[in-house]
Amino acid sequence: MVDTRSGTYVEGAKQFALAAAKASQNPPHTALEWEQIGNLWEKAIRQLENIQFQEPSYVEAQKLLAQYQTNLGIINNRRQIESDSQEILNQANKEIQRLIASTPADKNEIKAEIHGIITQLNSVKSGTTAYPEAKRLLTLANNKLKQLQAK
């Protein structure tokens, strides 16, 4: 018996998986890009979920399903890390702008605020699109802190 129905679903799933794997190469990616990659994994998973227990490709489909669901979990995690890191960077930038707009007269207060910004920037995860900018701002903040301590 030729298994064209389930074989077609497996091949379709493999095409979505291939597209997802290609799209996820060369990170970092934005949260939107991770979401789009996740959508491709979800489409691959939906293809495999169409295969019934009695069909010849069922076992292969279940193996692929486990792998693809694991990959989707990884992608969703990376999307969340990207989103969180971007939010932390945005918040740090707001704090920097606020500090520039109204610098406190007390040097210790300035140092405390810079330490707070440094703590925020240190929580930006490597491998995200926010990381290079966070590192750049960290260098500037640490330099400013050294200048204040030298005075």
N, C-alpha and C. Protein backbone atom coordinates (compact mmCIF):
# COMPACT_ATOMS: atom_id res chain seq x y z
N MET A 1 0.84 -1.19 0.00
CA MET A 1 0.00 0.00 0.00
C MET A 1 0.88 1.25 0.00
N VAL A 2 0.61 2.15 -0.87
CA VAL A 2 1.36 3.39 -0.96
C VAL A 2 0.75 4.38 0.03
N ASP A 3 1.60 5.00 0.81
CA ASP A 3 1.16 5.92 1.86
C ASP A 3 1.31 7.36 1.38
N THR A 4 0.44 7.78 0.48
CA THR A 4 0.61 9.12 -0.09
C THR A 4 0.11 10.22 0.85
N ARG A 5 -0.98 10.00 1.55
CA ARG A 5 -1.55 11.04 2.41
C ARG A 5 -0.59 11.42 3.53
N SER A 6 -0.22 10.43 4.34
CA SER A 6 0.66 10.75 5.47
C SER A 6 2.06 11.12 4.99
N GLY A 7 2.50 10.52 3.90
CA GLY A 7 3.81 10.88 3.34
C GLY A 7 3.84 12.34 2.89
N THR A 8 2.73 12.79 2.35
CA THR A 8 2.63 14.18 1.92
C THR A 8 2.71 15.12 3.13
N TYR A 9 2.03 14.75 4.22
CA TYR A 9 2.09 15.57 5.44
C TYR A 9 3.52 15.61 6.01
N VAL A 10 4.19 14.46 6.01
CA VAL A 10 5.57 14.41 6.51
C VAL A 10 6.47 15.29 5.66
N GLU A 11 6.34 15.20 4.36
CA GLU A 11 7.18 16.02 3.47
C GLU A 11 6.87 17.50 3.65
N GLY A 12 5.59 17.82 3.79
CA GLY A 12 5.21 19.21 4.03
C GLY A 12 5.81 19.73 5.33
N ALA A 13 5.75 18.91 6.37
CA ALA A 13 6.32 19.29 7.66
C ALA A 13 7.82 19.52 7.55
N LYS A 14 8.48 18.63 6.81
CA LYS A 14 9.93 18.76 6.64
C LYS A 14 10.29 20.05 5.90
N GLN A 15 9.45 20.48 4.97
CA GLN A 15 9.71 21.72 4.25
C GLN A 15 9.59 22.93 5.18
N PHE A 16 8.54 22.93 6.04
CA PHE A 16 8.40 24.01 7.01
C PHE A 16 9.57 23.99 8.00
N ALA A 17 9.98 22.80 8.42
CA ALA A 17 11.09 22.68 9.36
C ALA A 17 12.39 23.19 8.74
N LEU A 18 12.60 22.86 7.48
CA LEU A 18 13.80 23.34 6.78
C LEU A 18 13.80 24.87 6.69
N ALA A 19 12.65 25.43 6.37
CA ALA A 19 12.54 26.90 6.31
C ALA A 19 12.81 27.52 7.67
N ALA A 20 12.29 26.90 8.73
CA ALA A 20 12.51 27.42 10.09
C ALA A 20 13.98 27.33 10.46
N ALA A 21 14.59 26.20 10.15
CA ALA A 21 16.01 26.02 10.47
C ALA A 21 16.88 27.03 9.73
N LYS A 22 16.58 27.26 8.47
CA LYS A 22 17.35 28.25 7.68
C LYS A 22 17.16 29.65 8.25
N ALA A 23 15.92 29.99 8.59
CA ALA A 23 15.63 31.33 9.10
C ALA A 23 16.29 31.59 10.45
N SER A 24 16.53 30.54 11.22
CA SER A 24 17.10 30.73 12.55
C SER A 24 18.63 30.80 12.54
N GLN A 25 19.23 30.60 11.37
CA GLN A 25 20.69 30.68 11.29
C GLN A 25 21.16 32.12 11.47
N ASN A 26 22.38 32.24 11.90
CA ASN A 26 23.06 33.53 12.07
C ASN A 26 22.33 34.49 13.01
N PRO A 27 22.01 34.05 14.23
CA PRO A 27 21.43 34.99 15.18
C PRO A 27 22.47 36.03 15.58
N PRO A 28 22.11 37.12 16.20
CA PRO A 28 20.82 37.35 16.87
C PRO A 28 19.73 37.77 15.89
N HIS A 29 18.50 37.53 16.34
CA HIS A 29 17.32 37.93 15.59
C HIS A 29 16.41 38.75 16.50
N THR A 30 15.61 39.59 15.89
CA THR A 30 14.63 40.37 16.65
C THR A 30 13.56 39.42 17.19
N ALA A 31 12.77 39.92 18.14
CA ALA A 31 11.67 39.12 18.69
C ALA A 31 10.68 38.77 17.58
N LEU A 32 10.44 39.69 16.67
CA LEU A 32 9.52 39.43 15.55
C LEU A 32 10.06 38.32 14.66
N GLU A 33 11.34 38.34 14.39
CA GLU A 33 11.94 37.27 13.57
C GLU A 33 11.84 35.92 14.28
N TRP A 34 12.09 35.89 15.61
CA TRP A 34 11.94 34.64 16.35
C TRP A 34 10.49 34.17 16.30
N GLU A 35 9.56 35.10 16.37
CA GLU A 35 8.14 34.74 16.30
C GLU A 35 7.82 34.11 14.94
N GLN A 36 8.34 34.69 13.87
CA GLN A 36 8.11 34.15 12.53
C GLN A 36 8.72 32.75 12.39
N ILE A 37 9.88 32.55 12.97
CA ILE A 37 10.51 31.22 12.94
C ILE A 37 9.65 30.23 13.73
N GLY A 38 9.15 30.68 14.87
CA GLY A 38 8.25 29.84 15.66
C GLY A 38 7.00 29.45 14.89
N ASN A 39 6.48 30.39 14.11
CA ASN A 39 5.29 30.10 13.29
C ASN A 39 5.58 29.00 12.28
N LEU A 40 6.78 28.99 11.71
CA LEU A 40 7.14 27.92 10.77
C LEU A 40 7.19 26.56 11.47
N TRP A 41 7.76 26.53 12.69
CA TRP A 41 7.77 25.27 13.45
C TRP A 41 6.35 24.83 13.77
N GLU A 42 5.48 25.78 14.11
CA GLU A 42 4.08 25.44 14.40
C GLU A 42 3.39 24.85 13.17
N LYS A 43 3.66 25.40 12.01
CA LYS A 43 3.07 24.86 10.78
C LYS A 43 3.57 23.44 10.52
N ALA A 44 4.85 23.21 10.76
CA ALA A 44 5.41 21.86 10.60
C ALA A 44 4.72 20.89 11.56
N ILE A 45 4.53 21.33 12.79
CA ILE A 45 3.87 20.50 13.81
C ILE A 45 2.43 20.19 13.40
N ARG A 46 1.72 21.19 12.91
CA ARG A 46 0.32 20.96 12.48
C ARG A 46 0.24 19.94 11.35
N GLN A 47 1.21 19.96 10.45
CA GLN A 47 1.24 18.97 9.37
C GLN A 47 1.33 17.56 9.96
N LEU A 48 2.22 17.40 10.91
CA LEU A 48 2.43 16.08 11.50
C LEU A 48 1.25 15.61 12.35
N GLU A 49 0.56 16.56 12.95
CA GLU A 49 -0.60 16.21 13.77
C GLU A 49 -1.76 15.67 12.94
N ASN A 50 -1.71 15.84 11.63
CA ASN A 50 -2.74 15.31 10.73
C ASN A 50 -2.60 13.81 10.50
N ILE A 51 -1.49 13.24 10.88
CA ILE A 51 -1.23 11.82 10.61
C ILE A 51 -1.85 10.96 11.71
N GLN A 52 -2.71 10.06 11.31
CA GLN A 52 -3.44 9.21 12.25
C GLN A 52 -2.59 8.00 12.68
N PHE A 53 -2.96 7.44 13.83
CA PHE A 53 -2.25 6.31 14.42
C PHE A 53 -2.11 5.12 13.47
N GLN A 54 -3.13 4.84 12.70
CA GLN A 54 -3.12 3.66 11.83
C GLN A 54 -2.33 3.86 10.53
N GLU A 55 -1.87 5.06 10.27
CA GLU A 55 -1.15 5.31 9.02
C GLU A 55 0.31 4.89 9.13
N PRO A 56 0.89 4.41 8.02
CA PRO A 56 2.27 3.90 8.03
C PRO A 56 3.32 4.93 8.47
N SER A 57 3.11 6.20 8.23
CA SER A 57 4.10 7.23 8.58
C SER A 57 3.95 7.74 10.01
N TYR A 58 3.07 7.11 10.78
CA TYR A 58 2.77 7.60 12.13
C TYR A 58 4.02 7.64 13.03
N VAL A 59 4.80 6.57 13.05
CA VAL A 59 5.97 6.51 13.93
C VAL A 59 6.98 7.59 13.54
N GLU A 60 7.25 7.72 12.27
CA GLU A 60 8.17 8.78 11.80
C GLU A 60 7.63 10.15 12.20
N ALA A 61 6.32 10.32 12.03
CA ALA A 61 5.70 11.61 12.38
C ALA A 61 5.84 11.91 13.86
N GLN A 62 5.70 10.91 14.70
CA GLN A 62 5.83 11.13 16.15
C GLN A 62 7.26 11.51 16.52
N LYS A 63 8.24 10.88 15.88
CA LYS A 63 9.64 11.23 16.13
C LYS A 63 9.90 12.68 15.73
N LEU A 64 9.42 13.05 14.55
CA LEU A 64 9.60 14.42 14.07
C LEU A 64 8.85 15.41 14.96
N LEU A 65 7.67 15.01 15.38
CA LEU A 65 6.84 15.87 16.24
C LEU A 65 7.58 16.21 17.53
N ALA A 66 8.19 15.21 18.15
CA ALA A 66 8.94 15.45 19.39
C ALA A 66 10.10 16.42 19.13
N GLN A 67 10.80 16.22 18.03
CA GLN A 67 11.93 17.08 17.69
C GLN A 67 11.46 18.51 17.40
N TYR A 68 10.40 18.62 16.62
CA TYR A 68 9.91 19.95 16.23
C TYR A 68 9.33 20.70 17.42
N GLN A 69 8.66 19.99 18.33
CA GLN A 69 8.12 20.65 19.51
C GLN A 69 9.25 21.15 20.42
N THR A 70 10.32 20.36 20.49
CA THR A 70 11.50 20.80 21.25
C THR A 70 12.08 22.06 20.62
N ASN A 71 12.22 22.05 19.30
CA ASN A 71 12.75 23.22 18.59
C ASN A 71 11.86 24.45 18.79
N LEU A 72 10.55 24.25 18.75
CA LEU A 72 9.62 25.36 18.98
C LEU A 72 9.80 25.93 20.39
N GLY A 73 9.99 25.06 21.36
CA GLY A 73 10.22 25.53 22.73
C GLY A 73 11.48 26.37 22.83
N ILE A 74 12.53 25.94 22.15
CA ILE A 74 13.79 26.69 22.15
C ILE A 74 13.59 28.06 21.50
N ILE A 75 12.88 28.07 20.39
CA ILE A 75 12.62 29.33 19.67
C ILE A 75 11.78 30.28 20.53
N ASN A 76 10.76 29.74 21.18
CA ASN A 76 9.92 30.58 22.04
C ASN A 76 10.74 31.16 23.19
N ASN A 77 11.65 30.37 23.73
CA ASN A 77 12.53 30.84 24.79
C ASN A 77 13.43 31.95 24.28
N ARG A 78 14.00 31.77 23.10
CA ARG A 78 14.88 32.80 22.53
C ARG A 78 14.11 34.08 22.23
N ARG A 79 12.87 33.93 21.77
CA ARG A 79 12.03 35.11 21.51
C ARG A 79 11.80 35.87 22.81
N GLN A 80 11.53 35.15 23.90
CA GLN A 80 11.28 35.81 25.18
C GLN A 80 12.54 36.50 25.70
N ILE A 81 13.68 35.84 25.57
CA ILE A 81 14.95 36.44 26.00
C ILE A 81 15.24 37.70 25.20
N GLU A 82 15.00 37.65 23.90
CA GLU A 82 15.21 38.82 23.03
C GLU A 82 14.29 39.96 23.46
N SER A 83 13.04 39.64 23.67
CA SER A 83 12.06 40.64 24.06
C SER A 83 12.42 41.26 25.42
N ASP A 84 12.78 40.41 26.39
CA ASP A 84 13.15 40.90 27.72
C ASP A 84 14.40 41.78 27.65
N SER A 85 15.40 41.35 26.88
CA SER A 85 16.64 42.13 26.78
C SER A 85 16.39 43.48 26.12
N GLN A 86 15.54 43.49 25.11
CA GLN A 86 15.20 44.75 24.44
C GLN A 86 14.48 45.70 25.42
N GLU A 87 13.59 45.14 26.23
CA GLU A 87 12.87 45.95 27.22
C GLU A 87 13.82 46.51 28.27
N ILE A 88 14.76 45.70 28.73
CA ILE A 88 15.76 46.16 29.71
C ILE A 88 16.59 47.29 29.12
N LEU A 89 17.02 47.13 27.87
CA LEU A 89 17.81 48.17 27.20
C LEU A 89 16.99 49.46 27.07
N ASN A 90 15.74 49.34 26.68
CA ASN A 90 14.88 50.52 26.56
C ASN A 90 14.73 51.23 27.91
N GLN A 91 14.54 50.45 28.96
CA GLN A 91 14.40 51.04 30.30
C GLN A 91 15.70 51.72 30.73
N ALA A 92 16.82 51.11 30.46
CA ALA A 92 18.11 51.71 30.80
C ALA A 92 18.31 53.02 30.04
N ASN A 93 17.93 53.03 28.78
CA ASN A 93 18.04 54.26 27.98
C ASN A 93 17.17 55.37 28.56
N LYS A 94 15.98 55.03 29.04
CA LYS A 94 15.11 56.03 29.68
C LYS A 94 15.76 56.58 30.94
N GLU A 95 16.38 55.68 31.71
CA GLU A 95 17.06 56.12 32.94
C GLU A 95 18.24 57.03 32.60
N ILE A 96 18.97 56.69 31.57
CA ILE A 96 20.10 57.51 31.14
C ILE A 96 19.60 58.89 30.70
N GLN A 97 18.55 58.93 29.92
CA GLN A 97 17.99 60.21 29.46
C GLN A 97 17.49 61.05 30.63
N ARG A 98 16.86 60.39 31.59
CA ARG A 98 16.37 61.10 32.77
C ARG A 98 17.53 61.67 33.57
N LEU A 99 18.61 60.89 33.71
CA LEU A 99 19.78 61.34 34.45
C LEU A 99 20.46 62.52 33.74
N ILE A 100 20.52 62.46 32.42
CA ILE A 100 21.10 63.57 31.65
C ILE A 100 20.24 64.82 31.77
N ALA A 101 18.92 64.64 31.72
CA ALA A 101 18.00 65.78 31.76
C ALA A 101 18.01 66.49 33.10
N SER A 102 18.16 65.73 34.18
CA SER A 102 18.17 66.36 35.51
C SER A 102 19.19 65.65 36.39
N THR A 103 20.44 66.04 36.24
CA THR A 103 21.53 65.45 37.00
C THR A 103 21.45 65.94 38.44
N PRO A 104 21.42 65.02 39.39
CA PRO A 104 21.39 65.43 40.80
C PRO A 104 22.67 66.19 41.18
N ALA A 105 22.55 67.08 42.16
CA ALA A 105 23.70 67.86 42.61
C ALA A 105 24.67 67.00 43.42
N ASP A 106 24.15 66.04 44.13
CA ASP A 106 24.97 65.19 45.00
C ASP A 106 25.68 64.11 44.18
N LYS A 107 27.01 64.08 44.28
CA LYS A 107 27.83 63.13 43.51
C LYS A 107 27.48 61.68 43.87
N ASN A 108 27.20 61.41 45.13
CA ASN A 108 26.86 60.05 45.55
C ASN A 108 25.53 59.59 44.96
N GLU A 109 24.61 60.51 44.82
CA GLU A 109 23.32 60.20 44.20
C GLU A 109 23.51 59.86 42.72
N ILE A 110 24.35 60.62 42.05
CA ILE A 110 24.66 60.35 40.64
C ILE A 110 25.28 58.95 40.52
N LYS A 111 26.27 58.66 41.40
CA LYS A 111 26.92 57.36 41.35
C LYS A 111 25.92 56.23 41.60
N ALA A 112 25.01 56.43 42.51
CA ALA A 112 24.00 55.41 42.81
C ALA A 112 23.11 55.16 41.60
N GLU A 113 22.72 56.24 40.92
CA GLU A 113 21.88 56.08 39.73
C GLU A 113 22.65 55.37 38.61
N ILE A 114 23.91 55.71 38.45
CA ILE A 114 24.72 55.04 37.43
C ILE A 114 24.88 53.56 37.77
N HIS A 115 25.08 53.24 39.05
CA HIS A 115 25.17 51.83 39.45
C HIS A 115 23.87 51.09 39.11
N GLY A 116 22.73 51.74 39.30
CA GLY A 116 21.44 51.13 38.95
C GLY A 116 21.34 50.84 37.46
N ILE A 117 21.80 51.79 36.66
CA ILE A 117 21.80 51.62 35.20
C ILE A 117 22.74 50.48 34.81
N ILE A 118 23.90 50.42 35.44
CA ILE A 118 24.87 49.35 35.15
C ILE A 118 24.26 47.98 35.47
N THR A 119 23.56 47.90 36.60
CA THR A 119 22.91 46.65 36.97
C THR A 119 21.90 46.24 35.90
N GLN A 120 21.11 47.19 35.43
CA GLN A 120 20.15 46.90 34.36
C GLN A 120 20.87 46.39 33.12
N LEU A 121 21.87 47.12 32.68
CA LEU A 121 22.58 46.77 31.45
C LEU A 121 23.27 45.41 31.55
N ASN A 122 23.73 45.06 32.74
CA ASN A 122 24.38 43.75 32.92
C ASN A 122 23.39 42.60 32.80
N SER A 123 22.10 42.88 32.89
CA SER A 123 21.11 41.80 32.79
C SER A 123 20.65 41.56 31.35
N VAL A 124 21.15 42.36 30.40
CA VAL A 124 20.86 42.11 28.99
C VAL A 124 21.65 40.87 28.57
N LYS A 125 20.97 39.91 27.98
CA LYS A 125 21.59 38.62 27.64
C LYS A 125 22.44 38.71 26.36
N SER A 126 23.58 38.02 26.40
CA SER A 126 24.40 37.93 25.19
C SER A 126 23.63 37.12 24.15
N GLY A 127 23.95 37.34 22.89
CA GLY A 127 23.24 36.64 21.82
C GLY A 127 21.92 37.29 21.44
N THR A 128 21.67 38.48 21.96
CA THR A 128 20.47 39.23 21.59
C THR A 128 20.87 40.45 20.77
N THR A 129 19.89 41.03 20.09
CA THR A 129 20.18 42.23 19.31
C THR A 129 20.48 43.42 20.22
N ALA A 130 20.03 43.38 21.46
CA ALA A 130 20.26 44.47 22.41
C ALA A 130 21.66 44.42 23.02
N TYR A 131 22.29 43.28 22.99
CA TYR A 131 23.55 43.09 23.71
C TYR A 131 24.68 44.04 23.28
N PRO A 132 24.96 44.22 21.98
CA PRO A 132 26.06 45.14 21.62
C PRO A 132 25.85 46.57 22.15
N GLU A 133 24.63 47.05 22.05
CA GLU A 133 24.34 48.41 22.55
C GLU A 133 24.45 48.46 24.07
N ALA A 134 24.01 47.42 24.75
CA ALA A 134 24.12 47.37 26.21
C ALA A 134 25.59 47.39 26.63
N LYS A 135 26.43 46.65 25.91
CA LYS A 135 27.86 46.64 26.22
C LYS A 135 28.48 48.02 25.99
N ARG A 136 28.07 48.68 24.92
CA ARG A 136 28.58 50.03 24.62
C ARG A 136 28.20 50.99 25.75
N LEU A 137 26.94 50.94 26.16
CA LEU A 137 26.47 51.81 27.24
C LEU A 137 27.12 51.47 28.57
N LEU A 138 27.39 50.18 28.79
CA LEU A 138 28.09 49.78 30.02
C LEU A 138 29.48 50.40 30.09
N THR A 139 30.18 50.40 28.98
CA THR A 139 31.51 51.00 28.94
C THR A 139 31.42 52.49 29.27
N LEU A 140 30.45 53.17 28.67
CA LEU A 140 30.28 54.60 28.95
C LEU A 140 29.93 54.84 30.42
N ALA A 141 29.04 54.03 30.97
CA ALA A 141 28.62 54.20 32.36
C ALA A 141 29.79 53.93 33.31
N ASN A 142 30.56 52.89 33.03
CA ASN A 142 31.72 52.59 33.89
C ASN A 142 32.76 53.69 33.81
N ASN A 143 32.97 54.25 32.62
CA ASN A 143 33.91 55.37 32.47
C ASN A 143 33.45 56.58 33.26
N LYS A 144 32.15 56.89 33.20
CA LYS A 144 31.59 58.02 33.93
C LYS A 144 31.75 57.80 35.43
N LEU A 145 31.53 56.58 35.87
CA LEU A 145 31.69 56.25 37.29
C LEU A 145 33.14 56.47 37.73
N LYS A 146 34.09 56.05 36.91
CA LYS A 146 35.52 56.25 37.24
C LYS A 146 35.85 57.74 37.32
N GLN A 147 35.27 58.53 36.40
CA GLN A 147 35.50 59.99 36.41
C GLN A 147 34.98 60.60 37.72
N LEU A 148 33.79 60.15 38.14
CA LEU A 148 33.21 60.69 39.36
C LEU A 148 34.01 60.30 40.60
N GLN A 149 34.55 59.09 40.60
CA GLN A 149 35.33 58.63 41.74
C GLN A 149 36.68 59.31 41.80
N ALA A 150 37.21 59.75 40.65
CA ALA A 150 38.50 60.42 40.60
C ALA A 150 38.41 61.86 41.10
N LYS A 151 37.19 62.43 41.05
CA LYS A 151 37.02 63.84 41.46
C LYS A 151 37.01 64.00 42.95
